[in-house]
Protein backbone atom coordinates (compact mmCIF):
# COMPACT_ATOMS: atom_id res chain seq x y z
CA MET A 1 0.01 -0.28 -0.16
CA LYS A 2 1.50 3.43 -1.02
CA LYS A 3 -1.60 5.43 0.21
CA ILE A 4 -3.30 5.04 3.47
CA LEU A 5 -4.80 7.16 6.05
CA LEU A 6 -4.24 6.66 9.98
CA LYS A 7 -7.39 7.31 12.18
CA LEU A 8 -5.68 7.95 15.80
CA SER A 9 -7.52 8.33 18.89
CA GLY A 10 -7.21 11.01 21.08
CA GLU A 11 -6.17 8.80 23.85
CA PHE A 12 -2.66 8.80 22.05
CA PHE A 13 -2.02 12.23 22.76
CA ALA A 14 -2.37 11.72 26.96
CA ASN A 15 0.00 10.39 29.56
CA SER A 16 -1.44 10.24 32.87
CA ASN A 17 -0.68 13.62 33.66
CA GLN A 18 -1.53 16.26 30.85
CA ALA A 19 -4.66 15.70 27.97
CA VAL A 20 -2.34 16.56 25.38
CA SER A 21 1.40 15.52 25.98
CA PRO A 22 3.94 16.83 23.49
CA ASP A 23 5.88 13.48 24.18
CA LYS A 24 3.35 11.41 23.23
CA ALA A 25 2.53 13.51 20.19
CA MET A 26 6.51 12.85 19.42
CA ILE A 27 6.12 9.04 19.31
CA LEU A 28 3.07 9.34 16.75
CA ALA A 29 5.18 11.57 14.89
CA LYS A 30 8.48 9.37 14.60
CA GLU A 31 6.38 6.18 13.79
CA ILE A 32 4.44 8.28 10.75
CA LYS A 33 7.73 9.80 9.56
CA LYS A 34 8.59 5.49 9.45
CA LEU A 35 6.31 5.19 6.94
CA TYR A 36 6.87 8.55 4.70
CA GLN A 37 10.64 7.35 4.90
CA HIS A 38 9.14 4.44 2.63
CA LYS A 39 7.16 7.24 0.21
CA VAL A 40 3.73 6.07 1.69
CA LYS A 41 1.52 9.00 1.31
CA ILE A 42 -0.14 9.88 4.38
CA ALA A 43 -2.93 11.16 6.18
CA VAL A 44 -4.18 11.60 9.35
CA VAL A 45 -8.02 11.77 11.23
CA VAL A 46 -7.39 12.52 15.10
CA GLY A 47 -9.74 11.66 17.53
CA ALA A 48 -10.82 13.79 20.93
CA GLY A 49 -11.31 12.33 23.51
CA ASN A 50 -8.31 12.61 25.42
CA ILE A 51 -10.19 15.89 25.51
CA ILE A 52 -13.53 15.76 25.58
CA ARG A 53 -16.14 13.04 25.16
CA GLY A 54 -19.18 14.65 24.16
CA LYS A 55 -21.62 11.27 23.85
CA GLN A 56 -20.30 10.60 27.75
CA ILE A 57 -22.39 14.74 28.81
CA LYS A 58 -25.74 14.88 30.11
CA ASN A 59 -28.22 17.84 29.49
CA LEU A 60 -26.02 20.18 27.09
CA SER A 61 -26.60 20.57 23.96
CA ARG A 62 -25.25 17.49 21.13
CA LEU A 63 -24.65 20.45 18.22
CA LYS A 64 -22.56 22.60 20.63
CA LEU A 65 -20.50 19.29 22.33
CA ASP A 66 -19.52 18.27 18.65
CA TYR A 67 -18.39 21.46 17.72
CA ALA A 68 -15.99 21.28 20.93
CA GLY A 69 -15.26 17.98 19.89
CA MET A 70 -13.42 19.46 16.87
CA SER A 71 -11.96 22.22 18.28
CA ALA A 72 -10.66 19.47 20.48
CA ALA A 73 -9.61 17.62 17.64
CA PHE A 74 -8.16 20.42 16.11
CA ILE A 75 -5.43 21.52 19.01
CA ASN A 76 -4.34 17.11 18.49
CA GLY A 77 -3.53 18.04 14.77
CA LEU A 78 -1.76 20.90 15.41
CA ILE A 79 0.45 19.34 18.29
CA LEU A 80 1.09 16.25 15.36
CA GLN A 81 1.97 18.77 13.15
CA ALA A 82 4.21 20.24 14.94
CA ALA A 83 5.54 17.06 16.57
CA LEU A 84 6.06 16.06 12.66
CA GLU A 85 7.59 19.46 11.57
CA ASN A 86 10.20 19.17 14.15
CA ILE A 87 11.42 15.99 13.01
CA LYS A 88 11.57 17.36 9.14
CA VAL A 89 8.05 15.54 7.79
CA PRO A 90 6.28 17.91 5.90
CA ALA A 91 2.08 17.90 7.13
CA VAL A 92 -0.43 20.31 6.71
CA LEU A 93 -3.10 21.04 8.95
CA ASP A 94 -6.11 21.06 6.99
CA SER A 95 -9.50 22.73 9.16
CA THR A 96 -12.41 21.54 8.71
CA LEU A 97 -13.48 24.76 11.21
CA ASN A 98 -12.90 28.23 9.54
CA ILE A 99 -9.82 29.06 12.23
CA THR A 100 -7.05 30.18 9.63
CA GLN A 101 -4.97 31.34 11.32
CA ALA A 102 -3.41 28.10 12.76
CA SER A 103 -4.77 26.49 9.54
CA GLN A 104 -5.74 26.21 6.17
CA HIS A 105 -9.27 25.47 6.08
CA PHE A 106 -10.25 22.32 4.24
CA ASN A 107 -10.51 22.14 0.60
CA PRO A 108 -11.21 18.82 -1.32
CA ASP A 109 -8.90 19.65 -3.99
CA ARG A 110 -5.93 21.77 -2.38
CA ALA A 111 -5.92 18.16 0.46
CA LYS A 112 -5.44 15.78 -2.81
CA ASN A 113 -2.97 18.06 -4.00
CA ASP A 114 -1.10 18.56 -1.15
CA PHE A 115 -1.50 14.26 -0.39
CA LEU A 116 -0.24 13.63 -3.79
CA SER A 117 2.29 15.37 -3.55
CA GLY A 118 3.75 14.01 -0.38
CA LYS A 119 2.88 15.71 2.96
CA VAL A 120 1.31 14.28 5.83
CA ILE A 121 -2.42 15.77 5.56
CA ILE A 122 -3.80 15.88 9.27
CA PHE A 123 -7.52 16.14 9.39
CA GLY A 124 -8.34 18.30 12.05
CA GLY A 125 -12.17 17.79 12.97
CA THR A 126 -15.55 15.88 11.16
CA GLY A 127 -16.90 19.36 9.75
CA LEU A 128 -19.98 18.20 10.40
CA PRO A 129 -22.04 17.78 13.90
CA TYR A 130 -23.50 14.06 14.39
CA VAL A 131 -20.65 13.06 12.41
CA THR A 132 -17.93 10.60 14.30
CA THR A 133 -14.16 10.16 13.48
CA ASP A 134 -14.82 6.98 12.16
CA THR A 135 -17.20 8.87 9.48
CA ALA A 136 -15.00 11.22 8.71
CA ALA A 137 -12.07 9.20 8.09
CA VAL A 138 -14.13 6.88 5.41
CA ILE A 139 -15.18 10.34 4.17
CA PHE A 140 -11.97 12.19 3.63
CA GLY A 141 -9.65 8.69 2.81
CA ALA A 142 -11.83 8.50 -0.56
CA SER A 143 -11.68 11.97 -1.38
CA LEU A 144 -8.30 11.47 -1.21
CA GLY A 145 -8.05 7.81 -2.94
CA VAL A 146 -6.18 6.23 -0.51
CA GLU A 147 -6.13 2.20 -0.35
CA GLN A 148 -7.51 1.57 2.87
CA VAL A 149 -8.34 3.39 6.35
CA ILE A 150 -5.83 2.07 9.00
CA LYS A 151 -7.83 2.13 12.66
CA LEU A 152 -5.37 2.23 15.46
CA THR A 153 -6.94 1.34 18.61
CA LYS A 154 -6.34 -0.81 22.28
CA VAL A 155 -7.13 -4.26 20.86
CA ASN A 156 -5.67 -5.83 18.03
CA GLY A 157 -8.41 -6.03 15.27
CA VAL A 158 -11.87 -7.31 15.73
CA TYR A 159 -13.54 -9.64 18.13
CA ASP A 160 -16.76 -11.84 18.54
CA SER A 161 -16.39 -10.67 21.98
CA ASP A 162 -14.51 -8.14 24.75
CA PRO A 163 -11.13 -9.74 25.08
CA LYS A 164 -10.59 -7.48 27.59
CA THR A 165 -13.34 -9.49 29.75
CA ASN A 166 -13.38 -12.94 27.51
CA LYS A 167 -9.86 -14.50 27.21
CA SER A 168 -11.69 -17.41 24.40
CA ALA A 169 -12.66 -14.03 22.58
CA LYS A 170 -12.19 -14.76 18.47
CA ARG A 171 -10.42 -12.27 16.32
CA PHE A 172 -11.50 -12.17 13.18
CA LYS A 173 -8.85 -12.05 10.67
CA VAL A 174 -11.30 -10.87 7.40
CA LEU A 175 -14.93 -9.75 7.80
CA SER A 176 -17.15 -7.86 4.64
CA HIS A 177 -18.48 -4.89 5.27
CA ASN A 178 -21.91 -6.68 5.87
CA GLN A 179 -20.71 -9.38 8.15
CA ALA A 180 -19.42 -6.20 10.54
CA LEU A 181 -22.54 -4.05 9.99
CA VAL A 182 -24.84 -7.24 11.29
CA ALA A 183 -22.61 -8.19 13.96
CA SER A 184 -22.96 -4.85 15.95
CA LEU A 185 -19.22 -5.67 17.12
CA ASN A 186 -19.28 -1.60 18.02
CA VAL A 187 -15.66 -1.26 16.89
CA ILE A 188 -16.14 0.91 14.52
CA ASP A 189 -19.21 3.63 14.00
CA MET A 190 -21.61 1.73 12.08
CA ALA A 191 -22.59 4.84 8.97
CA ALA A 192 -18.82 4.72 8.90
CA LEU A 193 -19.32 0.54 8.20
CA ALA A 194 -22.19 1.29 5.71
CA LEU A 195 -19.89 4.23 3.96
CA ALA A 196 -17.21 2.12 3.00
CA ARG A 197 -19.22 -0.48 1.52
CA GLU A 198 -20.72 1.71 -0.78
CA LEU A 199 -17.40 3.29 -1.89
CA ASN A 200 -15.96 -0.14 -1.38
CA LEU A 201 -12.89 1.23 0.89
CA SER A 202 -10.78 -1.43 2.85
CA ILE A 203 -10.94 -1.04 6.90
CA ARG A 204 -8.00 -2.52 8.47
CA VAL A 205 -8.64 -2.69 12.71
CA CYS A 206 -5.26 -2.90 14.58
CA LYS A 207 -3.78 -2.52 18.16
CA TRP A 208 -1.60 1.00 18.06
CA GLN A 209 1.95 0.46 20.41
CA PRO A 210 5.45 2.05 19.29
CA GLY A 211 7.19 0.70 17.19
CA ASN A 212 4.06 -1.13 15.75
CA LEU A 213 3.26 0.91 12.39
CA LEU A 214 5.64 -0.04 10.19
CA LYS A 215 5.42 -3.57 11.37
CA ILE A 216 1.17 -3.01 10.81
CA TRP A 217 2.36 -1.93 7.24
CA LYS A 218 3.95 -4.54 6.00
CA ASN A 219 2.10 -7.44 7.50
CA THR A 220 -1.76 -7.87 6.73
CA ASN A 221 -2.01 -10.56 9.00
CA TYR A 222 -2.11 -7.75 11.73
CA GLY A 223 -5.41 -6.83 12.95
CA THR A 224 -8.80 -7.94 11.19
CA ILE A 225 -9.20 -6.39 7.72
CA ILE A 226 -13.04 -5.26 6.84
CA LYS A 227 -13.71 -5.07 3.26
């Protein structure tokens, strides 16, 4: 694969003392650089759960909370861009919010040109309320023509039950979009799966840990492929 989109959880930016840790961002940046050095074209969608989880907040406007989440994703994206630039990887932050003092406002044609020119494209926010970062990853990935969306999580793939509570849980190596939708395994947003099926876009769910990203790219046995 030479064109991929990485979906990163906001939790990967946090440590025990900081919601956004520059050191954690640098770890992510160094992993991305390994792919960049293999001439892989890389886009990134970042989550915001390290700063805010709107779904867990009750009695406040979902609309406002979703925009707060986009603002938090923008912060993560800005820190990741700074970390990448610090290690000489060209990176562009495309914000779906109009924050042009610190980023360029998302434009599909410009983003694709930047992507194809070899810059790492970071998307800060989904662009619309009620749209998850999983769904945004599929939308942005399809608009850039990536070969696969790689969702990095805390577990190595999709299982038939929760591997944290069931030691006998079985990991699927390959699932069809339909199988994943019917099973409702809660690893990926259902709207993202349905759209990926419509667009014939492959999604891979893998475990994130430092040193793992290059292995994932080289070895399709890592995680679960949904196609």
